[in-house]
């Protein structure tokens, strides 16, 4: 096995950490506490302690270390989040390999694109994975229970590196790209652990907590949850993706595992609020909810608070390029006149600023600009896409001659009187309708003000240089089934100019979601086009 150990120099507090060192540090202080709790068959749950997780990582390292892989080689991991997949990615970290999570059964064309651009040395599959044809030069392995079995060794590779560094890529996560191909966000060990330390300063959970993850492994929110749980000495509860589609099953998993903290995108709560209200109210051990990735519609948030009045709700803001940036507790009670939640201030060690279209600093409260982030947790760049990398990074607006850069988030925001930040939507959600500038979030917020509307989405359709029109989709509460398009359109007309009124408005049972749990806008477009 490699000479590297899992905990080299752990007592040297001045030394920077690798990803695996941070996530396994509790194995030395809380070895017998649960690290991962996951379903294991009908009404059964398997518990992996911190000591067992460390031993599992060592076993996986032994299986990988003899393959002749080079530091920095990419390893694709097709798996759901589990103790086994966490051990695999930590083994990659310990050996200086870069893991690329793609979830289970990724779309064929998307996987082919990721394979072409990353040129992986090894492809690892967990139970439930698909049967995609892997090129012969790529090694193939299977993770089954505690065992990692190499079915086919990778092609021989030149080895030029002797020692990993914390600036090496820890992982590459692919997001959607404007060019039609996935865009790979490269995160170094230094960036990830810097973010984790900033998150730990928020004191969101304790070693007595059980943190439920509802995000797939290819969505970096899952890695936020892994860091939050294992970095705090808490237990990570893995919620099966299929459970999220069935409100009663989702609530049962939370109840049976004793989850005290549930993290996910806001849309995971929508079916529960409609169909399993009593079960949600009966979750007497739940004390914290953290959401990220989208605005939480205020009617749904107020409904959630009514069912769980004592639960701490945290609004997490950020992007994949910095994992996240801020953690702001939602006021309890939420004032009746609040129309937009604050995202607060950046976590310790980071900073959020506003710039105008020319990249100049905006300092006046209430003036909208683009949110930029200064942080040691910024991504290294987009994999094999230097043009996109340059476009995402901006010279520091405070000290542009320093060579330091900040991340352009593409998000709009403004500051309040205390300097706190408010998210105002995506910069690219500003569109032109018949020569008039329209902010899609303004239309969406108006729809959410209608009694009984629980969620809403607004899209602009039509060519950029042609006749563009707005289409709106809403979800209403189970008690408001008589709400129709005519009433909603009249409601919008009371506050919005004619050019901002949706030309088409549909009431749906639910908004479709992507595998990451975000609203699936492509499916909504298909509803209109079909």
Protein backbone atom coordinates (compact mmCIF):
# COMPACT_ATOMS: atom_id res chain seq x y z
CA UNK A 1 0.00 0.00 0.00
CA UNK A 2 1.03 3.64 -0.45
CA UNK A 3 3.20 5.14 2.28
CA UNK A 4 0.52 7.75 2.87
CA UNK A 5 -1.52 7.15 6.02
CA UNK A 6 -5.03 8.26 6.66
CA UNK A 7 -4.08 10.60 9.49
CA UNK A 8 -0.55 11.92 8.84
CA UNK A 9 0.43 14.73 11.18
CA UNK A 10 -3.06 15.06 12.60
CA UNK A 11 -1.76 16.85 15.70
CA UNK A 12 -0.02 19.44 13.54
CA UNK A 13 -2.84 21.98 13.61
CA UNK A 14 -0.97 24.35 11.31
CA UNK A 15 -0.87 21.83 8.45
CA UNK A 16 -3.55 21.96 5.80
CA UNK A 17 -5.80 18.92 5.51
CA UNK A 18 -6.81 16.65 2.71
CA UNK A 19 -10.49 15.81 2.27
CA UNK A 20 -10.20 12.32 3.80
CA UNK A 21 -8.32 13.63 6.83
CA UNK A 22 -11.06 16.10 7.66
CA UNK A 23 -13.88 13.60 7.20
CA UNK A 24 -12.20 10.79 9.15
CA UNK A 25 -10.78 12.79 12.04
CA UNK A 26 -13.60 11.71 14.39
CA UNK A 27 -12.48 8.09 14.01
CA UNK A 28 -9.77 8.93 16.51
CA UNK A 29 -12.04 10.56 19.10
CA UNK A 30 -15.50 9.03 18.59
CA UNK A 31 -14.66 5.62 17.09
CA UNK A 32 -17.77 3.78 18.30
CA UNK A 33 -20.32 6.47 17.41
CA UNK A 34 -22.50 6.00 14.32
CA UNK A 35 -21.04 7.65 11.22
CA UNK A 36 -23.51 6.44 8.56
CA UNK A 37 -27.04 5.06 8.96
CA UNK A 38 -28.61 3.63 5.80
CA UNK A 39 -31.51 1.40 4.78
CA UNK A 40 -30.66 -2.29 4.59
CA UNK A 41 -33.82 -4.02 3.41
CA UNK A 42 -37.39 -3.91 4.59
CA UNK A 43 -37.67 -1.78 7.75
CA UNK A 44 -34.00 -2.40 8.61
CA UNK A 45 -31.09 0.00 8.87
CA UNK A 46 -27.35 -0.64 8.82
CA UNK A 47 -25.08 1.40 11.07
CA UNK A 48 -21.42 2.03 10.24
CA UNK A 49 -19.35 3.48 13.08
CA UNK A 50 -16.47 5.90 12.60
CA UNK A 51 -13.96 3.13 13.30
CA UNK A 52 -15.69 0.82 10.81
CA UNK A 53 -15.73 3.58 8.18
CA UNK A 54 -11.98 4.11 8.60
CA UNK A 55 -11.34 0.38 8.24
CA UNK A 56 -13.53 0.31 5.15
CA UNK A 57 -11.50 3.15 3.65
CA UNK A 58 -8.29 1.21 4.33
CA UNK A 59 -9.72 -1.89 2.60
CA UNK A 60 -10.69 0.16 -0.45
CA UNK A 61 -7.26 1.79 -0.50
CA UNK A 62 -5.66 -1.66 -0.56
CA UNK A 63 -7.79 -2.65 -3.56
CA UNK A 64 -6.91 0.53 -5.48
CA UNK A 65 -3.29 0.99 -4.54
CA UNK A 66 -1.94 -1.87 -6.65
CA UNK A 67 -3.45 -0.61 -9.91
CA UNK A 68 -0.57 1.68 -10.79
CA UNK A 69 -2.74 4.78 -10.86
CA UNK A 70 -1.12 8.19 -11.11
CA UNK A 71 -1.79 11.03 -8.67
CA UNK A 72 -4.58 13.09 -10.22
CA UNK A 73 -6.09 10.23 -12.24
CA UNK A 74 -9.87 10.43 -12.43
CA UNK A 75 -12.10 7.75 -10.94
CA UNK A 76 -15.76 7.83 -11.94
CA UNK A 77 -18.09 6.73 -9.15
CA UNK A 78 -21.56 5.56 -10.19
CA UNK A 79 -23.38 5.19 -6.90
CA UNK A 80 -25.91 6.54 -4.47
CA UNK A 81 -24.66 7.96 -1.19
CA UNK A 82 -23.82 5.16 1.25
CA UNK A 83 -21.07 4.09 3.64
CA UNK A 84 -19.50 2.14 0.75
CA UNK A 85 -19.50 5.06 -1.69
CA UNK A 86 -18.20 7.44 0.99
CA UNK A 87 -15.39 4.97 1.70
CA UNK A 88 -14.59 4.80 -2.02
CA UNK A 89 -14.31 8.56 -2.43
CA UNK A 90 -12.24 8.82 0.75
CA UNK A 91 -9.92 6.06 -0.50
CA UNK A 92 -9.50 8.06 -3.71
CA UNK A 93 -8.65 11.13 -1.64
CA UNK A 94 -6.09 9.24 0.43
CA UNK A 95 -4.34 7.97 -2.72
CA UNK A 96 -4.35 11.31 -4.52
CA UNK A 97 -7.01 10.28 -7.04
CA UNK A 98 -9.78 12.61 -8.24
CA UNK A 99 -13.28 11.20 -7.91
CA UNK A 100 -16.06 12.12 -10.32
CA UNK A 101 -19.55 11.27 -8.95
CA UNK A 102 -22.21 10.67 -11.63
CA UNK A 103 -25.07 9.20 -9.57
CA UNK A 104 -26.73 5.93 -10.52
CA UNK A 105 -27.77 5.18 -14.09
CA UNK A 106 -26.74 8.56 -15.51
CA UNK A 107 -28.18 9.47 -18.95
CA UNK A 108 -26.18 7.75 -21.66
CA UNK A 109 -25.21 10.88 -23.58
CA UNK A 110 -24.28 12.79 -20.42
CA UNK A 111 -22.09 9.95 -19.18
CA UNK A 112 -20.41 9.66 -22.58
CA UNK A 113 -19.62 13.37 -22.52
CA UNK A 114 -18.14 13.15 -19.01
CA UNK A 115 -16.09 10.10 -20.00
CA UNK A 116 -14.71 11.86 -23.07
CA UNK A 117 -13.69 15.00 -21.26
CA UNK A 118 -12.25 13.48 -18.05
CA UNK A 119 -10.58 10.42 -19.62
CA UNK A 120 -10.95 8.37 -16.42
CA UNK A 121 -8.52 5.67 -15.40
CA UNK A 122 -11.12 3.71 -13.42
CA UNK A 123 -14.90 3.30 -13.28
CA UNK A 124 -16.46 2.13 -10.00
CA UNK A 125 -20.04 0.89 -9.68
CA UNK A 126 -22.19 0.26 -6.63
CA UNK A 127 -25.35 -1.89 -6.50
CA UNK A 128 -28.15 -0.34 -8.54
CA UNK A 129 -25.78 1.06 -11.15
CA UNK A 130 -26.49 0.73 -14.85
CA UNK A 131 -24.74 -1.35 -17.48
CA UNK A 132 -23.12 1.34 -19.60
CA UNK A 133 -20.37 0.05 -21.88
CA UNK A 134 -17.04 1.18 -20.43
CA UNK A 135 -14.09 1.52 -22.88
CA UNK A 136 -11.53 -1.28 -22.62
CA UNK A 137 -8.69 1.02 -21.53
CA UNK A 138 -10.66 2.13 -18.47
CA UNK A 139 -10.43 -0.06 -15.39
CA UNK A 140 -13.68 -1.40 -13.95
CA UNK A 141 -14.53 -2.16 -10.35
CA UNK A 142 -17.58 -3.05 -8.28
CA UNK A 143 -18.41 -2.08 -4.72
CA UNK A 144 -20.66 -4.63 -3.04
CA UNK A 145 -21.18 -4.26 0.69
CA UNK A 146 -17.77 -3.81 2.31
CA UNK A 147 -15.85 -5.19 -0.66
CA UNK A 148 -14.31 -3.34 -3.59
CA UNK A 149 -13.55 -5.82 -6.38
CA UNK A 150 -11.50 -4.91 -9.43
CA UNK A 151 -12.98 -6.68 -12.44
CA UNK A 152 -10.63 -5.18 -15.01
CA UNK A 153 -7.37 -3.36 -14.38
CA UNK A 154 -6.82 -0.01 -16.09
CA UNK A 155 -4.33 0.38 -18.92
CA UNK A 156 -0.74 0.96 -17.86
CA UNK A 157 -0.08 4.58 -17.00
CA UNK A 158 3.01 6.71 -16.65
CA UNK A 159 3.66 7.84 -13.08
CA UNK A 160 5.25 11.29 -12.80
CA UNK A 161 4.12 12.45 -9.37
CA UNK A 162 5.48 11.38 -6.01
CA UNK A 163 3.30 13.17 -3.48
CA UNK A 164 -0.25 14.63 -3.52
CA UNK A 165 -0.76 18.23 -2.43
CA UNK A 166 -3.80 20.00 -1.01
CA UNK A 167 -4.05 22.06 -4.19
CA UNK A 168 -4.70 18.90 -6.24
CA UNK A 169 -8.29 18.27 -7.39
CA UNK A 170 -10.27 16.31 -4.82
CA UNK A 171 -13.26 15.90 -7.12
CA UNK A 172 -14.94 17.11 -10.29
CA UNK A 173 -18.72 17.59 -10.23
CA UNK A 174 -20.56 18.20 -13.48
CA UNK A 175 -23.37 20.70 -13.70
CA UNK A 176 -25.44 21.83 -16.67
CA UNK A 177 -23.61 24.00 -19.18
CA UNK A 178 -24.85 26.72 -21.51
CA UNK A 179 -22.98 25.19 -24.44
CA UNK A 180 -25.03 21.99 -24.33
CA UNK A 181 -22.35 19.85 -22.69
CA UNK A 182 -21.93 19.28 -18.92
CA UNK A 183 -19.56 21.69 -17.17
CA UNK A 184 -17.08 20.13 -14.72
CA UNK A 185 -16.41 22.10 -11.52
CA UNK A 186 -12.95 21.23 -10.17
CA UNK A 187 -12.59 21.49 -6.38
CA UNK A 188 -9.24 21.12 -4.63
CA UNK A 189 -8.71 19.55 -1.21
CA UNK A 190 -7.78 23.01 0.12
CA UNK A 191 -10.99 24.55 -1.21
CA UNK A 192 -13.27 21.83 0.18
CA UNK A 193 -11.71 21.72 3.64
CA UNK A 194 -11.66 25.54 3.80
CA UNK A 195 -15.39 25.50 3.19
CA UNK A 196 -15.92 22.75 5.76
CA UNK A 197 -14.09 24.74 8.43
CA UNK A 198 -16.18 27.81 7.62
CA UNK A 199 -19.33 25.71 7.86
CA UNK A 200 -18.26 24.19 11.20
CA UNK A 201 -18.07 27.69 12.68
CA UNK A 202 -21.85 27.96 12.18
CA UNK A 203 -22.39 25.20 14.79
CA UNK A 204 -25.35 23.80 12.91
CA UNK A 205 -25.20 20.31 14.43
CA UNK A 206 -23.59 18.47 17.35
CA UNK A 207 -22.22 14.92 17.78
CA UNK A 208 -25.66 13.91 19.07
CA UNK A 209 -27.38 14.78 15.81
CA UNK A 210 -28.46 12.58 12.92
CA UNK A 211 -28.27 14.49 9.64
CA UNK A 212 -30.57 13.25 6.86
CA UNK A 213 -29.22 13.68 3.35
CA UNK A 214 -31.80 13.87 0.56
CA UNK A 215 -29.50 14.80 -2.34
CA UNK A 216 -27.91 12.44 -4.88
CA UNK A 217 -24.15 11.96 -4.83
CA UNK A 218 -23.61 13.83 -8.11
CA UNK A 219 -25.15 16.96 -6.54
CA UNK A 220 -22.55 18.72 -4.35
CA UNK A 221 -25.21 19.37 -1.70
CA UNK A 222 -24.63 15.74 -0.69
CA UNK A 223 -20.96 16.53 -0.02
CA UNK A 224 -22.01 19.50 2.09
CA UNK A 225 -24.11 17.10 4.17
CA UNK A 226 -21.29 14.56 4.43
CA UNK A 227 -18.94 17.27 5.67
CA UNK A 228 -21.50 18.70 8.09
CA UNK A 229 -22.27 15.32 9.65
CA UNK A 230 -18.85 13.65 9.74
CA UNK A 231 -17.02 16.89 10.51
CA UNK A 232 -19.25 17.37 13.57
CA UNK A 233 -19.09 13.78 14.82
CA UNK A 234 -22.79 13.35 13.98
CA UNK A 235 -24.37 10.47 12.04
CA UNK A 236 -25.23 10.83 8.36
CA UNK A 237 -28.62 9.32 7.47
CA UNK A 238 -28.92 8.42 3.79
CA UNK A 239 -32.48 8.79 2.54
CA UNK A 240 -33.10 6.54 -0.51
CA UNK A 241 -33.99 8.61 -3.60
CA UNK A 242 -37.14 6.56 -4.19
CA UNK A 243 -38.42 7.46 -0.69
CA UNK A 244 -38.67 11.12 -1.67
CA UNK A 245 -41.36 10.27 -4.20
CA UNK A 246 -43.62 8.83 -1.50
CA UNK A 247 -44.34 11.28 1.35
CA UNK A 248 -45.34 8.62 3.87
CA UNK A 249 -42.23 6.58 3.16
CA UNK A 250 -40.01 9.67 3.43
CA UNK A 251 -41.48 10.60 6.79
CA UNK A 252 -41.17 7.00 7.99
CA UNK A 253 -37.44 6.93 7.18
CA UNK A 254 -36.95 10.14 9.16
CA UNK A 255 -38.93 8.72 12.08
CA UNK A 256 -37.26 5.30 12.16
CA UNK A 257 -33.71 6.65 11.88
CA UNK A 258 -34.29 9.32 14.51
CA UNK A 259 -33.23 12.10 12.15
CA UNK A 260 -32.76 15.39 14.00
CA UNK A 261 -31.65 17.48 11.01
CA UNK A 262 -32.96 17.24 7.43
CA UNK A 263 -31.11 18.93 4.56
CA UNK A 264 -32.33 19.27 1.00
CA UNK A 265 -33.81 21.47 -1.69
CA UNK A 266 -37.18 23.07 -0.79
CA UNK A 267 -39.15 20.90 -3.19
CA UNK A 268 -38.60 17.76 -1.06
CA UNK A 269 -41.15 19.16 1.40
CA UNK A 270 -43.90 19.94 -1.12
CA UNK A 271 -45.46 16.42 -1.33
CA UNK A 272 -45.19 16.00 2.45
CA UNK A 273 -46.96 19.29 3.08
CA UNK A 274 -49.77 18.25 0.73
CA UNK A 275 -50.26 14.63 1.74
CA UNK A 276 -48.51 13.77 5.03
CA UNK A 277 -49.01 16.72 7.34
CA UNK A 278 -49.74 14.72 10.50
CA UNK A 279 -46.74 12.45 9.98
CA UNK A 280 -44.54 15.51 9.59
CA UNK A 281 -45.93 17.11 12.74
CA UNK A 282 -45.21 13.87 14.64
CA UNK A 283 -41.44 14.02 13.98
CA UNK A 284 -40.72 14.90 17.60
CA UNK A 285 -36.93 14.47 17.32
CA UNK A 286 -36.54 16.85 14.40
CA UNK A 287 -34.89 20.08 15.47
CA UNK A 288 -33.27 21.48 12.32
CA UNK A 289 -33.95 21.91 8.60
CA UNK A 290 -31.46 23.33 6.13
CA UNK A 291 -32.41 24.16 2.56
CA UNK A 292 -30.35 25.20 -0.42
CA UNK A 293 -30.44 25.36 -4.21
CA UNK A 294 -33.67 27.33 -4.65
CA UNK A 295 -35.89 29.89 -2.95
CA UNK A 296 -38.24 28.31 -0.43
CA UNK A 297 -41.73 29.53 -1.45
CA UNK A 298 -42.93 31.52 1.55
CA UNK A 299 -46.42 29.95 1.68
CA UNK A 300 -44.85 26.50 1.91
CA UNK A 301 -42.28 27.71 4.45
CA UNK A 302 -45.01 29.18 6.65
CA UNK A 303 -46.97 25.93 6.38
CA UNK A 304 -43.86 23.94 7.37
CA UNK A 305 -43.29 26.23 10.33
CA UNK A 306 -46.90 25.81 11.47
CA UNK A 307 -46.47 22.02 11.57
CA UNK A 308 -42.97 22.17 13.15
CA UNK A 309 -43.03 25.37 15.23
CA UNK A 310 -39.90 24.67 17.25
CA UNK A 311 -37.60 23.60 14.39
CA UNK A 312 -34.63 25.76 13.42
CA UNK A 313 -34.71 26.51 9.67
CA UNK A 314 -31.50 27.58 7.92
CA UNK A 315 -31.30 29.20 4.50
CA UNK A 316 -28.08 28.04 2.82
CA UNK A 317 -26.89 30.06 -0.16
CA UNK A 318 -24.08 29.30 -2.58
CA UNK A 319 -23.00 27.69 -5.81
CA UNK A 320 -21.16 24.53 -6.77
CA UNK A 321 -18.06 26.65 -7.49
CA UNK A 322 -17.74 27.41 -3.76
CA UNK A 323 -19.90 24.56 -2.36
CA UNK A 324 -21.94 27.16 -0.48
CA UNK A 325 -21.31 30.60 0.95
CA UNK A 326 -23.74 31.56 3.70
CA UNK A 327 -25.96 30.00 6.36
CA UNK A 328 -28.71 32.26 7.66
CA UNK A 329 -31.28 31.22 10.25
CA UNK A 330 -34.84 32.03 9.20
CA UNK A 331 -36.62 34.18 11.83
CA UNK A 332 -39.10 32.36 14.04
CA UNK A 333 -41.79 33.47 13.86
CA UNK A 334 -41.46 34.70 10.29
CA UNK A 335 -42.92 38.24 10.19
CA UNK A 336 -46.11 38.52 8.15
CA UNK A 337 -44.70 41.32 5.99
CA UNK A 338 -41.56 39.43 4.92
CA UNK A 339 -41.52 38.92 1.16
CA UNK A 340 -37.91 37.87 0.68
CA UNK A 341 -35.59 35.93 2.98
CA UNK A 342 -32.16 37.24 3.86
CA UNK A 343 -29.17 35.06 2.99
CA UNK A 344 -27.21 36.92 5.65
CA UNK A 345 -23.44 37.14 5.57
CA UNK A 346 -20.82 34.80 4.16
CA UNK A 347 -19.47 32.07 6.41
CA UNK A 348 -16.28 32.65 8.37
CA UNK A 349 -13.31 33.14 6.05
CA UNK A 350 -15.43 34.22 3.05
CA UNK A 351 -17.15 37.40 1.89
CA UNK A 352 -20.03 38.34 -0.42
CA UNK A 353 -19.90 41.59 -2.39
CA UNK A 354 -21.98 43.26 -5.08
CA UNK A 355 -20.76 44.60 -8.42
CA UNK A 356 -22.41 46.42 -11.30
CA UNK A 357 -22.30 45.40 -14.96
CA UNK A 358 -18.80 46.92 -15.30
CA UNK A 359 -17.47 44.95 -12.31
CA UNK A 360 -17.39 47.98 -10.02
CA UNK A 361 -18.21 47.65 -6.34
CA UNK A 362 -21.76 48.53 -5.22
CA UNK A 363 -21.90 49.81 -1.64
CA UNK A 364 -25.30 51.49 -1.37
CA UNK A 365 -27.98 49.43 0.45
CA UNK A 366 -30.94 48.44 -1.71
CA UNK A 367 -29.14 48.80 -5.03
CA UNK A 368 -29.27 45.54 -7.01
CA UNK A 369 -26.09 44.06 -8.48
CA UNK A 370 -24.41 40.74 -9.13
CA UNK A 371 -23.25 38.79 -6.08
CA UNK A 372 -19.54 37.92 -6.17
CA UNK A 373 -17.74 35.73 -3.63
CA UNK A 374 -14.25 36.07 -2.20
CA UNK A 375 -13.26 32.82 -0.51
CA UNK A 376 -10.43 30.31 -0.07
CA UNK A 377 -13.08 27.71 -1.01
CA UNK A 378 -13.36 28.76 -4.65
CA UNK A 379 -13.13 26.18 -7.40
CA UNK A 380 -9.91 25.73 -9.35
CA UNK A 381 -11.72 26.08 -12.68
CA UNK A 382 -13.98 24.25 -15.09
CA UNK A 383 -12.49 21.01 -16.37
CA UNK A 384 -11.04 21.49 -19.86
CA UNK A 385 -12.87 24.79 -20.31
CA UNK A 386 -10.51 27.76 -19.82
CA UNK A 387 -12.88 30.21 -21.52
CA UNK A 388 -15.71 29.44 -19.10
CA UNK A 389 -13.26 29.62 -16.19
CA UNK A 390 -12.09 33.09 -17.18
CA UNK A 391 -15.68 34.25 -17.59
CA UNK A 392 -16.56 33.08 -14.06
CA UNK A 393 -13.69 34.85 -12.31
CA UNK A 394 -13.42 38.60 -11.89
CA UNK A 395 -10.56 40.77 -10.59
CA UNK A 396 -11.15 41.65 -6.95
CA UNK A 397 -13.29 44.83 -7.13
CA UNK A 398 -11.76 46.14 -3.88
CA UNK A 399 -8.15 45.61 -4.97
CA UNK A 400 -8.11 44.91 -8.71
CA UNK A 401 -4.30 45.20 -9.00
CA UNK A 402 -3.65 42.44 -6.45
CA UNK A 403 -4.17 39.55 -8.87
CA UNK A 404 -6.81 38.13 -6.55
CA UNK A 405 -10.05 37.02 -8.16
CA UNK A 406 -13.63 36.63 -6.98
CA UNK A 407 -16.36 34.31 -8.25
CA UNK A 408 -19.12 35.76 -10.39
CA UNK A 409 -22.17 33.86 -9.18
CA UNK A 410 -24.60 35.04 -11.87
CA UNK A 411 -27.01 35.82 -9.02
CA UNK A 412 -28.56 39.20 -8.33
CA UNK A 413 -28.81 40.63 -4.85
CA UNK A 414 -28.89 43.74 -2.71
CA UNK A 415 -27.79 44.53 0.81
CA UNK A 416 -29.93 45.66 3.72
CA UNK A 417 -29.20 48.37 6.25
CA UNK A 418 -26.99 46.04 8.33
CA UNK A 419 -25.05 44.87 5.29
CA UNK A 420 -26.94 41.55 5.11
CA UNK A 421 -27.47 40.16 1.64
CA UNK A 422 -30.76 39.43 -0.12
CA UNK A 423 -30.90 37.10 -3.12
CA UNK A 424 -33.04 38.56 -5.93
CA UNK A 425 -32.86 35.85 -8.58
CA UNK A 426 -30.60 34.91 -11.42
CA UNK A 427 -29.10 37.60 -13.61
CA UNK A 428 -30.17 35.54 -16.60
CA UNK A 429 -33.79 35.55 -15.38
CA UNK A 430 -34.05 39.11 -16.61
CA UNK A 431 -35.60 38.92 -20.06
CA UNK A 432 -36.96 41.27 -22.67
CA UNK A 433 -40.68 41.03 -23.51
CA UNK A 434 -41.72 43.32 -26.35
CA UNK A 435 -38.90 45.72 -25.49
CA UNK A 436 -39.63 45.74 -21.74
CA UNK A 437 -37.26 44.24 -19.16
CA UNK A 438 -39.01 41.56 -17.09
CA UNK A 439 -37.67 39.88 -13.98
CA UNK A 440 -39.20 36.40 -13.91
CA UNK A 441 -38.97 36.18 -10.12
CA UNK A 442 -41.25 39.21 -9.79
CA UNK A 443 -43.99 37.38 -11.68
CA UNK A 444 -43.36 34.22 -9.65
CA UNK A 445 -43.59 36.10 -6.34
CA UNK A 446 -46.89 37.67 -7.42
CA UNK A 447 -48.36 34.23 -8.15
CA UNK A 448 -47.21 33.01 -4.72
CA UNK A 449 -49.19 35.79 -3.07
CA UNK A 450 -52.48 34.27 -4.26
CA UNK A 451 -54.21 32.36 -1.41
CA UNK A 452 -53.70 28.62 -1.76
CA UNK A 453 -50.77 28.78 -4.19
CA UNK A 454 -47.93 26.68 -2.74
CA UNK A 455 -45.34 26.86 -5.54
CA UNK A 456 -44.88 28.60 -8.86
CA UNK A 457 -42.49 28.68 -11.78
CA UNK A 458 -42.32 31.14 -14.69
CA UNK A 459 -40.55 30.53 -18.00
CA UNK A 460 -39.95 32.67 -21.03
CA UNK A 461 -40.54 30.94 -24.34
CA UNK A 462 -39.89 31.91 -27.92
CA UNK A 463 -36.73 33.04 -29.75
CA UNK A 464 -34.63 35.82 -28.23
CA UNK A 465 -35.03 37.91 -31.37
CA UNK A 466 -38.71 37.12 -31.91
CA UNK A 467 -42.04 37.08 -30.14
CA UNK A 468 -41.30 36.05 -26.55
CA UNK A 469 -44.03 35.06 -24.12
CA UNK A 470 -44.34 34.08 -20.50
CA UNK A 471 -45.71 30.73 -19.33
CA UNK A 472 -46.52 30.14 -15.68
CA UNK A 473 -47.08 26.91 -13.72
CA UNK A 474 -48.50 26.77 -10.20
CA UNK A 475 -49.23 24.17 -7.55
CA UNK A 476 -52.11 24.81 -5.17
CA UNK A 477 -52.92 23.33 -1.79
CA UNK A 478 -55.22 20.34 -1.48
CA UNK A 479 -57.91 22.66 -0.08
CA UNK A 480 -57.72 25.06 -3.05
CA UNK A 481 -58.54 22.80 -5.98
CA UNK A 482 -61.03 25.33 -7.34
CA UNK A 483 -58.26 27.83 -8.13
CA UNK A 484 -58.03 28.25 -11.89
CA UNK A 485 -56.06 30.09 -14.52
CA UNK A 486 -58.62 32.89 -14.83
CA UNK A 487 -58.44 33.80 -11.13
CA UNK A 488 -54.64 33.69 -11.14
CA UNK A 489 -54.40 35.84 -14.27
CA UNK A 490 -56.75 38.42 -12.75
CA UNK A 491 -54.65 38.43 -9.58
CA UNK A 492 -51.49 39.13 -11.60
CA UNK A 493 -53.21 41.87 -13.58
CA UNK A 494 -53.89 43.75 -10.34
CA UNK A 495 -50.19 44.34 -9.76
CA UNK A 496 -48.27 43.68 -12.97
CA UNK A 497 -48.20 45.57 -16.28
CA UNK A 498 -49.68 43.87 -19.31
CA UNK A 499 -46.32 42.82 -20.73
CA UNK A 500 -45.57 40.89 -17.50
CA UNK A 501 -48.77 38.83 -17.56
CA UNK A 502 -48.30 35.14 -18.45
CA UNK A 503 -49.84 34.33 -21.80
CA UNK A 504 -50.31 30.74 -20.60
CA UNK A 505 -51.00 29.61 -17.05
CA UNK A 506 -51.35 26.00 -15.90
CA UNK A 507 -52.30 24.52 -12.53
CA UNK A 508 -50.34 21.30 -11.85
CA UNK A 509 -50.46 18.67 -9.13
CA UNK A 510 -46.70 19.13 -8.68
CA UNK A 511 -43.78 20.83 -10.37
CA UNK A 512 -41.51 18.27 -12.05
CA UNK A 513 -38.04 17.98 -10.56
CA UNK A 514 -34.60 16.96 -11.78
CA UNK A 515 -32.62 14.12 -10.11
CA UNK A 516 -31.03 16.85 -7.95
CA UNK A 517 -34.48 17.87 -6.71
CA UNK A 518 -34.58 21.23 -8.48
CA UNK A 519 -37.46 22.31 -10.68
CA UNK A 520 -37.14 20.60 -14.06
CA UNK A 521 -37.66 23.49 -16.47
CA UNK A 522 -37.10 21.33 -19.53
CA UNK A 523 -40.11 19.20 -18.56
CA UNK A 524 -42.21 22.33 -18.15
CA UNK A 525 -41.18 23.51 -21.60
CA UNK A 526 -42.20 20.10 -22.96
CA UNK A 527 -45.66 20.50 -21.37
CA UNK A 528 -46.20 23.70 -23.33
CA UNK A 529 -44.65 22.42 -26.54
CA UNK A 530 -46.28 19.00 -26.51
